[in-house]
Structures are given as structure tokens and as C-alpha cells.
Amino acid sequence: MKKPLVSSAAIEPAVGSDGDRRGSDRYRTVWRIAKVKRDGDFGLWRVRNMSDRGMMLAADVPISVGEQLEIALSDAVVVCGKVVWSEGGRCGVAFDQEVDVADVLKRLAAEQRASGYRQPRVPVHTLAQVITDEGTSQIELADLSQSGAGFVHDGLLEVGKELELVLAGDIRRKAIVRWARGNRGGLWLTQPLDRTDLESIRRFQN
């Protein structure tokens, strides 16, 4: 039988003496990064806890009550919900439909143990600079994670090439070309990006 929609009252915050928020639902602590889609924007936000009816997310970008979010916990596990409170870099989300949180966490753990697992990535379509021993050139980025980047290039970046990647805001990271096929490739960032750098891709648009 289909579970009923959750009401926003189910995860209205209750602030205890330790500053933690607790609702009437039973929450499980979760330390995970999720890809969040909101009104044409994407970002990587931290999941603080989760229940059958909602979750708490942490991000240092402005978040408005009433916003609709699509939250990808992995490529295969996606939930949708609405922001019902927002304060101090945290927000509470009520799911559009209840989930079985125990089953979700079990699936996520199995995915993470499987071969081929990769970190959540946000799609970007922007130009970035690459600096090599031969000079400076541009590549088009297709996606970003904390430790990697997908890109389109002219075929001159071979596997194993060491370079410096320069992003908007003069964010610089050392990287190595991990794979290249045709005009597509992937970078491994030997100096990972801060998660806060990826909370909104709007900063990278040009």
C-alpha cells in the first residue's frame, strides 16, 4: 500500500539544550554528501540525519522555506521534498512520500561497497583553465565532484598528464588526467575541492 504524504508538522524543529533539532519522528544520523537540485541549481550538501518522513541537510547557501528539492543520495536513490524550516546553515525537508529509511541506508551501503562507485557529481557547463608544462589552455567542464572533474577537450590531454586546474574565483587544484577517450576525459584532483565550493554551481557559470 502506498504510504501517505508527510505533513510539514512532522519534522518541525524542536531545539534542545544541546542545539540539536528533534521532531516526533525517529531520525538516524547519516554522514553523507547528497546532490541537491533546486530551481535550476545543483549543489553538494551534507546530510545530517534522516527518517522515513524527512531529513536534515547542511549548507551555507541561502535556503528558503517552501523550496522544492530533489535530493540524490546516489545515482539510483533519489528522494523529493519541501523545505519546512531553515536556520543557521541547516534546513529540514519533509519528503513528498515516505521512505523506508532502513532499506535506503542498506542500499546506499551496498552501492558504496560495489566496484565502480563514485562520489556524487554536480553537472557544470563552464570553461576552466588548465596549466601544464607546455602552457595554459582551456577545457570545458561537464561535471565536478570533490575529487574529480569530467571535461571536454581537443584531444591533447593524455592519460597521466599532471596539471593545475583553475576554476572561477581563482580556485586552483593540482590534478592528473585519469582517463581520456576521444574528446572526453576525467581528472583526479590530488587536492580535493572543499564541499562548500560545490554547494551551488551558479558560481561556476560563465
N, C-alpha and C. Protein backbone atom coordinates (compact mmCIF):
# COMPACT_ATOMS: atom_id res chain seq x y z
N MET A 1 0.84 -1.18 0.00
CA MET A 1 0.00 0.00 0.00
C MET A 1 0.88 1.25 0.00
N LYS A 2 0.55 2.23 -0.77
CA LYS A 2 1.32 3.46 -0.88
C LYS A 2 1.24 4.26 0.42
N LYS A 3 2.40 4.70 0.88
CA LYS A 3 2.42 5.46 2.13
C LYS A 3 1.88 6.86 1.92
N PRO A 4 1.22 7.42 2.92
CA PRO A 4 0.66 8.77 2.74
C PRO A 4 1.75 9.82 2.68
N LEU A 5 1.41 10.97 2.12
CA LEU A 5 2.35 12.08 2.08
C LEU A 5 2.61 12.57 3.49
N VAL A 6 3.81 13.07 3.71
CA VAL A 6 4.19 13.56 5.03
C VAL A 6 3.69 14.99 5.19
N SER A 7 3.27 15.33 6.39
CA SER A 7 2.90 16.72 6.66
C SER A 7 4.12 17.46 7.17
N SER A 8 4.18 18.76 6.91
CA SER A 8 5.35 19.53 7.34
C SER A 8 5.47 19.55 8.85
N ALA A 9 4.38 19.40 9.55
CA ALA A 9 4.44 19.43 11.01
C ALA A 9 5.25 18.27 11.57
N ALA A 10 5.39 17.21 10.76
CA ALA A 10 6.07 16.01 11.25
C ALA A 10 7.53 16.28 11.57
N ILE A 11 8.17 17.25 10.89
CA ILE A 11 9.57 17.49 11.19
C ILE A 11 9.83 18.97 11.53
N GLU A 12 8.83 19.63 12.07
CA GLU A 12 9.09 20.96 12.60
C GLU A 12 10.16 20.84 13.69
N PRO A 13 11.12 21.76 13.73
CA PRO A 13 12.24 21.59 14.65
C PRO A 13 11.87 21.79 16.10
N ALA A 14 12.50 20.99 16.95
CA ALA A 14 12.46 21.23 18.38
C ALA A 14 13.90 21.37 18.82
N VAL A 15 14.28 22.48 19.43
CA VAL A 15 15.66 22.75 19.77
C VAL A 15 15.89 22.42 21.23
N GLY A 16 16.78 21.46 21.46
CA GLY A 16 17.11 21.09 22.82
C GLY A 16 18.25 21.91 23.36
N SER A 17 18.68 21.61 24.58
CA SER A 17 19.75 22.37 25.20
C SER A 17 21.06 22.18 24.47
N ASP A 18 21.22 21.06 23.77
CA ASP A 18 22.47 20.81 23.05
C ASP A 18 22.44 21.40 21.65
N GLY A 19 21.35 22.07 21.28
CA GLY A 19 21.27 22.71 19.98
C GLY A 19 20.78 21.79 18.88
N ASP A 20 20.67 20.48 19.14
CA ASP A 20 20.20 19.56 18.12
C ASP A 20 18.71 19.73 17.91
N ARG A 21 18.26 19.43 16.69
CA ARG A 21 16.84 19.51 16.38
C ARG A 21 16.26 18.10 16.45
N ARG A 22 15.09 17.99 17.04
CA ARG A 22 14.42 16.71 17.13
C ARG A 22 12.95 16.92 16.83
N GLY A 23 12.37 16.07 16.02
CA GLY A 23 10.95 16.11 15.79
C GLY A 23 10.33 14.88 16.42
N SER A 24 9.06 14.65 16.10
CA SER A 24 8.37 13.50 16.66
C SER A 24 8.80 12.21 15.98
N ASP A 25 9.50 12.30 14.84
CA ASP A 25 9.93 11.13 14.10
C ASP A 25 11.26 10.63 14.65
N ARG A 26 11.59 9.37 14.34
CA ARG A 26 12.86 8.81 14.78
C ARG A 26 13.90 9.03 13.67
N TYR A 27 14.93 9.78 13.96
CA TYR A 27 15.95 10.11 12.98
C TYR A 27 17.19 9.24 13.16
N ARG A 28 17.82 8.94 12.04
CA ARG A 28 19.09 8.22 12.07
C ARG A 28 20.19 9.17 11.61
N THR A 29 21.27 9.22 12.36
CA THR A 29 22.39 10.07 11.97
C THR A 29 23.01 9.52 10.70
N VAL A 30 23.24 10.40 9.74
CA VAL A 30 23.81 10.00 8.46
C VAL A 30 24.91 11.00 8.11
N TRP A 31 26.10 10.48 7.81
CA TRP A 31 27.19 11.34 7.36
C TRP A 31 27.43 11.03 5.89
N ARG A 32 26.81 11.85 5.05
CA ARG A 32 26.84 11.58 3.62
C ARG A 32 26.66 12.88 2.86
N ILE A 33 27.24 12.93 1.66
CA ILE A 33 27.06 14.07 0.77
C ILE A 33 26.00 13.70 -0.26
N ALA A 34 25.05 14.60 -0.49
CA ALA A 34 23.98 14.37 -1.47
C ALA A 34 24.02 15.46 -2.54
N LYS A 35 23.60 15.08 -3.75
CA LYS A 35 23.45 16.07 -4.83
C LYS A 35 22.04 16.63 -4.77
N VAL A 36 21.93 17.93 -4.59
CA VAL A 36 20.64 18.59 -4.42
C VAL A 36 20.34 19.46 -5.64
N LYS A 37 19.16 19.26 -6.22
CA LYS A 37 18.70 20.08 -7.34
C LYS A 37 17.61 21.00 -6.83
N ARG A 38 17.73 22.29 -7.18
CA ARG A 38 16.75 23.27 -6.71
C ARG A 38 16.66 24.42 -7.71
N ASP A 39 15.52 24.62 -8.29
CA ASP A 39 15.24 25.79 -9.13
C ASP A 39 16.38 26.08 -10.11
N GLY A 40 16.77 25.08 -10.88
CA GLY A 40 17.79 25.27 -11.89
C GLY A 40 19.21 25.25 -11.38
N ASP A 41 19.40 25.03 -10.09
CA ASP A 41 20.73 25.00 -9.50
C ASP A 41 21.00 23.59 -8.97
N PHE A 42 22.28 23.23 -8.89
CA PHE A 42 22.71 21.98 -8.27
C PHE A 42 23.77 22.29 -7.23
N GLY A 43 23.88 21.43 -6.22
CA GLY A 43 24.93 21.59 -5.23
C GLY A 43 25.14 20.31 -4.45
N LEU A 44 26.27 20.21 -3.79
CA LEU A 44 26.56 19.09 -2.90
C LEU A 44 26.36 19.57 -1.46
N TRP A 45 25.37 18.99 -0.78
CA TRP A 45 25.04 19.36 0.59
C TRP A 45 25.26 18.16 1.51
N ARG A 46 25.50 18.45 2.77
CA ARG A 46 25.73 17.37 3.73
C ARG A 46 24.41 16.91 4.35
N VAL A 47 24.21 15.60 4.40
CA VAL A 47 23.05 15.02 5.09
C VAL A 47 23.44 14.82 6.55
N ARG A 48 22.67 15.40 7.47
CA ARG A 48 22.97 15.29 8.89
C ARG A 48 22.19 14.15 9.54
N ASN A 49 20.90 14.02 9.20
CA ASN A 49 20.13 12.89 9.69
C ASN A 49 18.95 12.65 8.75
N MET A 50 18.28 11.53 8.94
CA MET A 50 17.23 11.13 8.01
C MET A 50 16.26 10.20 8.72
N SER A 51 14.98 10.29 8.34
CA SER A 51 13.96 9.39 8.86
C SER A 51 13.09 8.95 7.70
N ASP A 52 12.03 8.20 8.00
CA ASP A 52 11.10 7.79 6.95
C ASP A 52 10.40 8.99 6.32
N ARG A 53 10.28 10.07 7.08
CA ARG A 53 9.45 11.19 6.64
C ARG A 53 10.21 12.47 6.27
N GLY A 54 11.51 12.49 6.53
CA GLY A 54 12.24 13.71 6.21
C GLY A 54 13.71 13.60 6.56
N MET A 55 14.43 14.70 6.35
CA MET A 55 15.85 14.72 6.65
C MET A 55 16.31 16.13 6.99
N MET A 56 17.47 16.21 7.61
CA MET A 56 18.13 17.48 7.84
C MET A 56 19.34 17.57 6.93
N LEU A 57 19.48 18.72 6.25
CA LEU A 57 20.61 18.99 5.38
C LEU A 57 21.39 20.18 5.91
N ALA A 58 22.67 20.24 5.59
CA ALA A 58 23.51 21.37 5.98
C ALA A 58 24.15 21.97 4.74
N ALA A 59 24.05 23.28 4.60
CA ALA A 59 24.68 24.02 3.50
C ALA A 59 24.75 25.48 3.89
N ASP A 60 25.79 26.17 3.42
CA ASP A 60 25.97 27.57 3.77
C ASP A 60 25.48 28.51 2.69
N VAL A 61 24.52 28.05 1.89
CA VAL A 61 23.89 28.91 0.88
C VAL A 61 22.49 29.27 1.37
N PRO A 62 21.93 30.39 0.91
CA PRO A 62 20.57 30.76 1.34
C PRO A 62 19.56 29.68 0.95
N ILE A 63 18.72 29.29 1.90
CA ILE A 63 17.70 28.26 1.66
C ILE A 63 16.37 28.82 2.16
N SER A 64 15.34 28.78 1.32
CA SER A 64 14.04 29.36 1.67
C SER A 64 13.03 28.29 2.02
N VAL A 65 12.24 28.55 3.06
CA VAL A 65 11.14 27.66 3.41
C VAL A 65 10.17 27.59 2.22
N GLY A 66 9.73 26.40 1.90
CA GLY A 66 8.83 26.19 0.78
C GLY A 66 9.52 25.74 -0.49
N GLU A 67 10.85 25.82 -0.53
CA GLU A 67 11.58 25.36 -1.72
C GLU A 67 11.38 23.87 -1.92
N GLN A 68 11.23 23.46 -3.18
CA GLN A 68 11.14 22.05 -3.52
C GLN A 68 12.53 21.56 -3.91
N LEU A 69 12.97 20.46 -3.31
CA LEU A 69 14.30 19.92 -3.55
C LEU A 69 14.21 18.50 -4.11
N GLU A 70 15.11 18.19 -5.02
CA GLU A 70 15.33 16.81 -5.47
C GLU A 70 16.69 16.40 -4.94
N ILE A 71 16.72 15.37 -4.10
CA ILE A 71 17.92 15.00 -3.36
C ILE A 71 18.39 13.63 -3.81
N ALA A 72 19.53 13.59 -4.50
CA ALA A 72 20.10 12.33 -4.97
C ALA A 72 21.14 11.85 -3.96
N LEU A 73 20.78 10.82 -3.21
CA LEU A 73 21.72 10.23 -2.26
C LEU A 73 22.75 9.37 -2.97
N SER A 74 22.41 8.92 -4.17
CA SER A 74 23.30 8.23 -5.09
C SER A 74 22.68 8.34 -6.47
N ASP A 75 23.32 7.76 -7.48
CA ASP A 75 22.73 7.81 -8.82
C ASP A 75 21.39 7.09 -8.87
N ALA A 76 21.20 6.09 -7.99
CA ALA A 76 19.98 5.27 -8.04
C ALA A 76 18.97 5.60 -6.96
N VAL A 77 19.37 6.33 -5.92
CA VAL A 77 18.48 6.61 -4.79
C VAL A 77 18.21 8.11 -4.73
N VAL A 78 16.99 8.50 -5.11
CA VAL A 78 16.62 9.91 -5.18
C VAL A 78 15.31 10.12 -4.43
N VAL A 79 15.26 11.14 -3.58
CA VAL A 79 14.03 11.50 -2.86
C VAL A 79 13.71 12.96 -3.15
N CYS A 80 12.44 13.31 -3.03
CA CYS A 80 11.99 14.69 -3.26
C CYS A 80 11.25 15.19 -2.03
N GLY A 81 11.35 16.48 -1.77
CA GLY A 81 10.65 17.03 -0.62
C GLY A 81 10.68 18.54 -0.61
N LYS A 82 10.08 19.10 0.43
CA LYS A 82 9.95 20.55 0.56
C LYS A 82 10.62 21.02 1.84
N VAL A 83 11.31 22.16 1.77
CA VAL A 83 11.95 22.75 2.94
C VAL A 83 10.87 23.29 3.88
N VAL A 84 10.88 22.84 5.14
CA VAL A 84 9.87 23.28 6.10
C VAL A 84 10.46 24.17 7.20
N TRP A 85 11.78 24.17 7.35
CA TRP A 85 12.44 25.15 8.20
C TRP A 85 13.88 25.33 7.72
N SER A 86 14.44 26.51 8.01
CA SER A 86 15.80 26.81 7.60
C SER A 86 16.40 27.80 8.59
N GLU A 87 17.58 27.43 9.13
CA GLU A 87 18.19 28.28 10.15
C GLU A 87 19.64 27.88 10.34
N GLY A 88 20.53 28.88 10.37
CA GLY A 88 21.92 28.64 10.75
C GLY A 88 22.66 27.63 9.90
N GLY A 89 22.44 27.65 8.60
CA GLY A 89 23.15 26.72 7.72
C GLY A 89 22.59 25.32 7.70
N ARG A 90 21.41 25.14 8.27
CA ARG A 90 20.74 23.83 8.24
C ARG A 90 19.30 24.02 7.79
N CYS A 91 18.72 22.96 7.27
CA CYS A 91 17.31 23.02 6.91
C CYS A 91 16.67 21.65 7.10
N GLY A 92 15.37 21.66 7.33
CA GLY A 92 14.59 20.44 7.44
C GLY A 92 13.74 20.25 6.20
N VAL A 93 13.74 19.04 5.68
CA VAL A 93 13.00 18.71 4.46
C VAL A 93 11.97 17.64 4.78
N ALA A 94 10.71 17.89 4.42
CA ALA A 94 9.66 16.88 4.52
C ALA A 94 9.52 16.20 3.17
N PHE A 95 9.65 14.88 3.15
CA PHE A 95 9.56 14.14 1.90
C PHE A 95 8.15 14.22 1.32
N ASP A 96 8.06 14.24 -0.01
CA ASP A 96 6.76 14.19 -0.66
C ASP A 96 6.07 12.87 -0.38
N GLN A 97 6.85 11.79 -0.28
CA GLN A 97 6.32 10.48 0.09
C GLN A 97 7.29 9.83 1.07
N GLU A 98 6.74 9.10 2.02
CA GLU A 98 7.59 8.43 3.00
C GLU A 98 8.48 7.40 2.32
N VAL A 99 9.62 7.15 2.97
CA VAL A 99 10.54 6.12 2.51
C VAL A 99 10.81 5.16 3.67
N ASP A 100 11.38 4.02 3.36
CA ASP A 100 11.83 3.09 4.39
C ASP A 100 13.31 3.40 4.62
N VAL A 101 13.60 4.22 5.63
CA VAL A 101 14.97 4.72 5.79
C VAL A 101 15.96 3.59 6.04
N ALA A 102 15.54 2.53 6.73
CA ALA A 102 16.45 1.41 6.98
C ALA A 102 16.85 0.75 5.67
N ASP A 103 15.87 0.58 4.78
CA ASP A 103 16.15 -0.02 3.48
C ASP A 103 17.01 0.89 2.62
N VAL A 104 16.73 2.20 2.66
CA VAL A 104 17.52 3.16 1.89
C VAL A 104 18.99 3.12 2.32
N LEU A 105 19.24 3.14 3.63
CA LEU A 105 20.61 3.13 4.12
C LEU A 105 21.32 1.82 3.78
N LYS A 106 20.58 0.72 3.78
CA LYS A 106 21.16 -0.57 3.40
C LYS A 106 21.56 -0.56 1.93
N ARG A 107 20.70 0.00 1.07
CA ARG A 107 21.00 0.08 -0.36
C ARG A 107 22.22 0.96 -0.61
N LEU A 108 22.29 2.08 0.10
CA LEU A 108 23.41 3.00 -0.08
C LEU A 108 24.72 2.35 0.35
N ALA A 109 24.69 1.60 1.44
CA ALA A 109 25.90 0.91 1.91
C ALA A 109 26.36 -0.12 0.89
N ALA A 110 25.40 -0.86 0.30
CA ALA A 110 25.75 -1.86 -0.70
C ALA A 110 26.34 -1.21 -1.94
N GLU A 111 25.78 -0.08 -2.36
CA GLU A 111 26.31 0.63 -3.53
C GLU A 111 27.74 1.10 -3.28
N GLN A 112 27.99 1.58 -2.07
CA GLN A 112 29.32 2.12 -1.77
C GLN A 112 30.38 1.03 -1.74
N ARG A 113 29.97 -0.21 -1.40
CA ARG A 113 30.92 -1.32 -1.37
C ARG A 113 31.17 -1.89 -2.76
N ALA A 114 30.25 -1.63 -3.70
CA ALA A 114 30.35 -2.21 -5.04
C ALA A 114 31.46 -1.54 -5.84
N SER A 115 32.01 -2.29 -6.79
CA SER A 115 33.03 -1.72 -7.67
C SER A 115 32.39 -0.68 -8.59
N GLY A 116 33.15 0.32 -8.94
CA GLY A 116 32.65 1.37 -9.82
C GLY A 116 31.94 2.49 -9.09
N TYR A 117 31.88 2.43 -7.76
CA TYR A 117 31.23 3.50 -7.01
C TYR A 117 32.01 4.80 -7.19
N ARG A 118 31.29 5.92 -7.35
CA ARG A 118 31.95 7.21 -7.44
C ARG A 118 31.19 8.23 -6.60
N GLN A 119 31.91 9.28 -6.23
CA GLN A 119 31.32 10.34 -5.41
C GLN A 119 30.22 11.06 -6.19
N PRO A 120 29.27 11.67 -5.46
CA PRO A 120 28.26 12.49 -6.14
C PRO A 120 28.91 13.61 -6.94
N ARG A 121 28.39 13.86 -8.14
CA ARG A 121 28.92 14.91 -9.01
C ARG A 121 27.80 15.87 -9.37
N VAL A 122 28.16 17.13 -9.53
CA VAL A 122 27.19 18.13 -9.99
C VAL A 122 27.50 18.48 -11.44
N PRO A 123 26.47 18.61 -12.26
CA PRO A 123 26.71 18.97 -13.66
C PRO A 123 27.09 20.44 -13.79
N VAL A 124 28.12 20.70 -14.56
CA VAL A 124 28.52 22.08 -14.85
C VAL A 124 28.83 22.19 -16.34
N HIS A 125 28.57 23.33 -16.89
CA HIS A 125 28.91 23.59 -18.30
C HIS A 125 29.61 24.93 -18.32
N THR A 126 30.92 24.88 -18.11
CA THR A 126 31.69 26.11 -17.96
C THR A 126 33.12 25.88 -18.43
N LEU A 127 33.79 26.94 -18.77
CA LEU A 127 35.19 26.86 -19.17
C LEU A 127 36.09 27.00 -17.95
N ALA A 128 37.20 26.27 -17.99
CA ALA A 128 38.20 26.37 -16.93
C ALA A 128 39.58 26.37 -17.58
N GLN A 129 40.54 26.90 -16.87
CA GLN A 129 41.91 26.90 -17.36
C GLN A 129 42.66 25.67 -16.87
N VAL A 130 43.54 25.16 -17.71
CA VAL A 130 44.49 24.13 -17.28
C VAL A 130 45.89 24.64 -17.57
N ILE A 131 46.76 24.50 -16.59
CA ILE A 131 48.14 24.94 -16.71
C ILE A 131 49.04 23.71 -16.67
N THR A 132 49.80 23.52 -17.73
CA THR A 132 50.75 22.40 -17.82
C THR A 132 52.14 22.95 -18.09
N ASP A 133 53.10 22.05 -18.21
CA ASP A 133 54.47 22.49 -18.52
C ASP A 133 54.54 23.16 -19.89
N GLU A 134 53.57 22.82 -20.76
CA GLU A 134 53.57 23.38 -22.12
C GLU A 134 52.88 24.74 -22.20
N GLY A 135 52.17 25.14 -21.14
CA GLY A 135 51.50 26.42 -21.17
C GLY A 135 50.09 26.34 -20.61
N THR A 136 49.27 27.35 -20.94
CA THR A 136 47.91 27.46 -20.43
C THR A 136 46.91 27.27 -21.57
N SER A 137 45.86 26.51 -21.31
CA SER A 137 44.80 26.31 -22.30
C SER A 137 43.46 26.23 -21.58
N GLN A 138 42.39 26.07 -22.34
CA GLN A 138 41.05 25.98 -21.76
C GLN A 138 40.43 24.62 -22.05
N ILE A 139 39.62 24.15 -21.09
CA ILE A 139 38.80 22.96 -21.29
C ILE A 139 37.38 23.31 -20.86
N GLU A 140 36.44 22.55 -21.36
CA GLU A 140 35.05 22.71 -20.94
C GLU A 140 34.72 21.64 -19.91
N LEU A 141 34.31 22.06 -18.73
CA LEU A 141 33.95 21.12 -17.68
C LEU A 141 32.53 20.61 -17.89
N ALA A 142 32.32 19.32 -17.64
CA ALA A 142 30.99 18.72 -17.75
C ALA A 142 30.40 18.41 -16.38
N ASP A 143 31.24 18.08 -15.40
CA ASP A 143 30.77 17.82 -14.05
C ASP A 143 31.93 17.97 -13.07
N LEU A 144 31.56 18.11 -11.79
CA LEU A 144 32.54 18.27 -10.72
C LEU A 144 32.12 17.47 -9.50
N SER A 145 33.10 16.86 -8.85
CA SER A 145 32.91 16.30 -7.51
C SER A 145 34.03 16.86 -6.66
N GLN A 146 34.09 16.47 -5.40
CA GLN A 146 35.16 16.99 -4.56
C GLN A 146 36.53 16.51 -5.04
N SER A 147 36.58 15.33 -5.65
CA SER A 147 37.88 14.76 -6.04
C SER A 147 38.03 14.54 -7.53
N GLY A 148 37.08 15.00 -8.35
CA GLY A 148 37.19 14.73 -9.77
C GLY A 148 36.43 15.71 -10.63
N ALA A 149 36.70 15.65 -11.93
CA ALA A 149 36.03 16.52 -12.89
C ALA A 149 35.97 15.81 -14.23
N GLY A 150 34.82 15.89 -14.89
CA GLY A 150 34.70 15.41 -16.26
C GLY A 150 34.84 16.60 -17.20
N PHE A 151 35.47 16.37 -18.36
CA PHE A 151 35.74 17.51 -19.23
C PHE A 151 35.70 17.12 -20.70
N VAL A 152 35.58 18.15 -21.54
CA VAL A 152 35.66 18.03 -22.99
C VAL A 152 36.89 18.82 -23.43
N HIS A 153 37.69 18.25 -24.35
CA HIS A 153 38.92 18.94 -24.73
C HIS A 153 39.25 18.63 -26.19
N ASP A 154 40.40 19.10 -26.63
CA ASP A 154 40.78 18.96 -28.03
C ASP A 154 41.61 17.71 -28.31
N GLY A 155 41.69 16.81 -27.34
CA GLY A 155 42.42 15.57 -27.54
C GLY A 155 43.89 15.63 -27.20
N LEU A 156 44.35 16.76 -26.66
CA LEU A 156 45.78 16.92 -26.40
C LEU A 156 46.18 16.56 -24.96
N LEU A 157 45.19 16.23 -24.11
CA LEU A 157 45.50 15.87 -22.73
C LEU A 157 45.51 14.35 -22.60
N GLU A 158 46.69 13.79 -22.48
CA GLU A 158 46.81 12.34 -22.43
C GLU A 158 46.71 11.83 -20.99
N VAL A 159 46.37 10.56 -20.84
CA VAL A 159 46.25 9.95 -19.52
C VAL A 159 47.59 10.06 -18.78
N GLY A 160 47.50 10.45 -17.51
CA GLY A 160 48.70 10.60 -16.69
C GLY A 160 49.26 12.00 -16.67
N LYS A 161 48.72 12.88 -17.51
CA LYS A 161 49.22 14.26 -17.57
C LYS A 161 48.94 14.99 -16.26
N GLU A 162 49.96 15.64 -15.69
CA GLU A 162 49.80 16.43 -14.49
C GLU A 162 49.53 17.88 -14.88
N LEU A 163 48.61 18.53 -14.15
CA LEU A 163 48.25 19.90 -14.49
C LEU A 163 47.70 20.62 -13.27
N GLU A 164 47.48 21.91 -13.44
CA GLU A 164 46.78 22.70 -12.43
C GLU A 164 45.47 23.16 -13.04
N LEU A 165 44.37 22.90 -12.35
CA LEU A 165 43.04 23.30 -12.80
C LEU A 165 42.66 24.60 -12.10
N VAL A 166 42.24 25.62 -12.89
CA VAL A 166 41.87 26.91 -12.33
C VAL A 166 40.39 27.15 -12.60
N LEU A 167 39.59 27.23 -11.53
CA LEU A 167 38.15 27.42 -11.62
C LEU A 167 37.79 28.87 -11.32
N ALA A 168 36.51 29.20 -11.51
CA ALA A 168 36.02 30.54 -11.19
C ALA A 168 36.35 30.90 -9.75
N GLY A 169 36.65 32.19 -9.52
CA GLY A 169 37.03 32.61 -8.18
C GLY A 169 38.47 32.29 -7.86
N ASP A 170 39.26 31.92 -8.90
CA ASP A 170 40.68 31.58 -8.75
C ASP A 170 40.89 30.40 -7.80
N ILE A 171 39.94 29.45 -7.84
CA ILE A 171 40.12 28.20 -7.11
C ILE A 171 41.08 27.33 -7.91
N ARG A 172 42.20 26.94 -7.31
CA ARG A 172 43.24 26.19 -8.01
C ARG A 172 43.47 24.85 -7.33
N ARG A 173 43.54 23.80 -8.15
CA ARG A 173 43.79 22.47 -7.63
C ARG A 173 44.73 21.71 -8.57
N LYS A 174 45.68 20.98 -7.99
CA LYS A 174 46.52 20.08 -8.77
C LYS A 174 45.69 18.88 -9.19
N ALA A 175 45.92 18.39 -10.39
CA ALA A 175 45.12 17.29 -10.92
C ALA A 175 45.94 16.44 -11.89
N ILE A 176 45.43 15.23 -12.13
CA ILE A 176 46.03 14.31 -13.09
C ILE A 176 44.93 13.80 -14.01
N VAL A 177 45.21 13.72 -15.31
CA VAL A 177 44.25 13.16 -16.25
C VAL A 177 44.13 11.65 -15.97
N ARG A 178 42.94 11.23 -15.52
CA ARG A 178 42.75 9.84 -15.11
C ARG A 178 42.33 8.96 -16.29
N TRP A 179 41.51 9.51 -17.18
CA TRP A 179 41.12 8.76 -18.37
C TRP A 179 40.80 9.74 -19.50
N ALA A 180 40.91 9.27 -20.72
CA ALA A 180 40.61 10.10 -21.89
C ALA A 180 40.20 9.19 -23.03
N ARG A 181 39.04 9.48 -23.62
CA ARG A 181 38.54 8.74 -24.78
C ARG A 181 37.96 9.76 -25.76
N GLY A 182 38.58 9.86 -26.94
CA GLY A 182 38.13 10.86 -27.88
C GLY A 182 38.35 12.25 -27.32
N ASN A 183 37.28 13.05 -27.31
CA ASN A 183 37.41 14.41 -26.77
C ASN A 183 36.84 14.53 -25.36
N ARG A 184 36.59 13.40 -24.71
CA ARG A 184 36.11 13.39 -23.33
C ARG A 184 37.19 12.86 -22.41
N GLY A 185 37.17 13.31 -21.17
CA GLY A 185 38.16 12.83 -20.22
C GLY A 185 37.73 13.08 -18.79
N GLY A 186 38.53 12.59 -17.87
CA GLY A 186 38.27 12.77 -16.44
C GLY A 186 39.53 13.12 -15.70
N LEU A 187 39.41 14.04 -14.76
CA LEU A 187 40.53 14.46 -13.92
C LEU A 187 40.37 13.90 -12.52
N TRP A 188 41.47 13.50 -11.93
CA TRP A 188 41.51 13.20 -10.50
C TRP A 188 42.19 14.38 -9.82
N LEU A 189 41.47 15.03 -8.89
CA LEU A 189 42.02 16.17 -8.16
C LEU A 189 42.85 15.66 -6.99
N THR A 190 44.16 15.80 -7.07
CA THR A 190 45.01 15.33 -5.98
C THR A 190 44.86 16.20 -4.75
N GLN A 191 44.30 17.40 -4.93
CA GLN A 191 43.91 18.28 -3.83
C GLN A 191 42.40 18.45 -3.93
N PRO A 192 41.61 17.71 -3.16
CA PRO A 192 40.15 17.76 -3.31
C PRO A 192 39.60 19.16 -3.08
N LEU A 193 38.48 19.46 -3.74
CA LEU A 193 37.76 20.69 -3.51
C LEU A 193 37.08 20.64 -2.15
N ASP A 194 36.93 21.79 -1.53
CA ASP A 194 36.11 21.87 -0.32
C ASP A 194 34.65 21.64 -0.71
N ARG A 195 33.91 20.96 0.15
CA ARG A 195 32.49 20.73 -0.15
C ARG A 195 31.75 22.04 -0.32
N THR A 196 32.12 23.05 0.47
CA THR A 196 31.43 24.33 0.38
C THR A 196 31.63 25.00 -0.98
N ASP A 197 32.72 24.66 -1.68
CA ASP A 197 32.92 25.22 -3.02
C ASP A 197 31.87 24.72 -4.00
N LEU A 198 31.23 23.60 -3.67
CA LEU A 198 30.30 22.96 -4.60
C LEU A 198 28.85 23.00 -4.12
N GLU A 199 28.54 23.88 -3.16
CA GLU A 199 27.16 23.95 -2.67
C GLU A 199 26.21 24.57 -3.68
N SER A 200 26.75 25.31 -4.65
CA SER A 200 25.94 25.89 -5.73
C SER A 200 26.81 25.99 -6.96
N ILE A 201 26.31 25.49 -8.10
CA ILE A 201 27.12 25.57 -9.32
C ILE A 201 27.00 26.94 -9.99
N ARG A 202 26.13 27.80 -9.48
CA ARG A 202 25.95 29.10 -10.13
C ARG A 202 27.24 29.91 -10.14
N ARG A 203 28.11 29.68 -9.17
CA ARG A 203 29.36 30.41 -9.12
C ARG A 203 30.28 30.04 -10.27
N PHE A 204 30.05 28.87 -10.90
CA PHE A 204 30.92 28.43 -11.97
C PHE A 204 30.37 28.75 -13.35
N GLN A 205 29.16 29.30 -13.43
CA GLN A 205 28.58 29.56 -14.74
C GLN A 205 29.24 30.77 -15.38
N ASN A 206 29.50 30.66 -16.70
CA ASN A 206 30.06 31.82 -17.40
C ASN A 206 29.52 31.86 -18.82
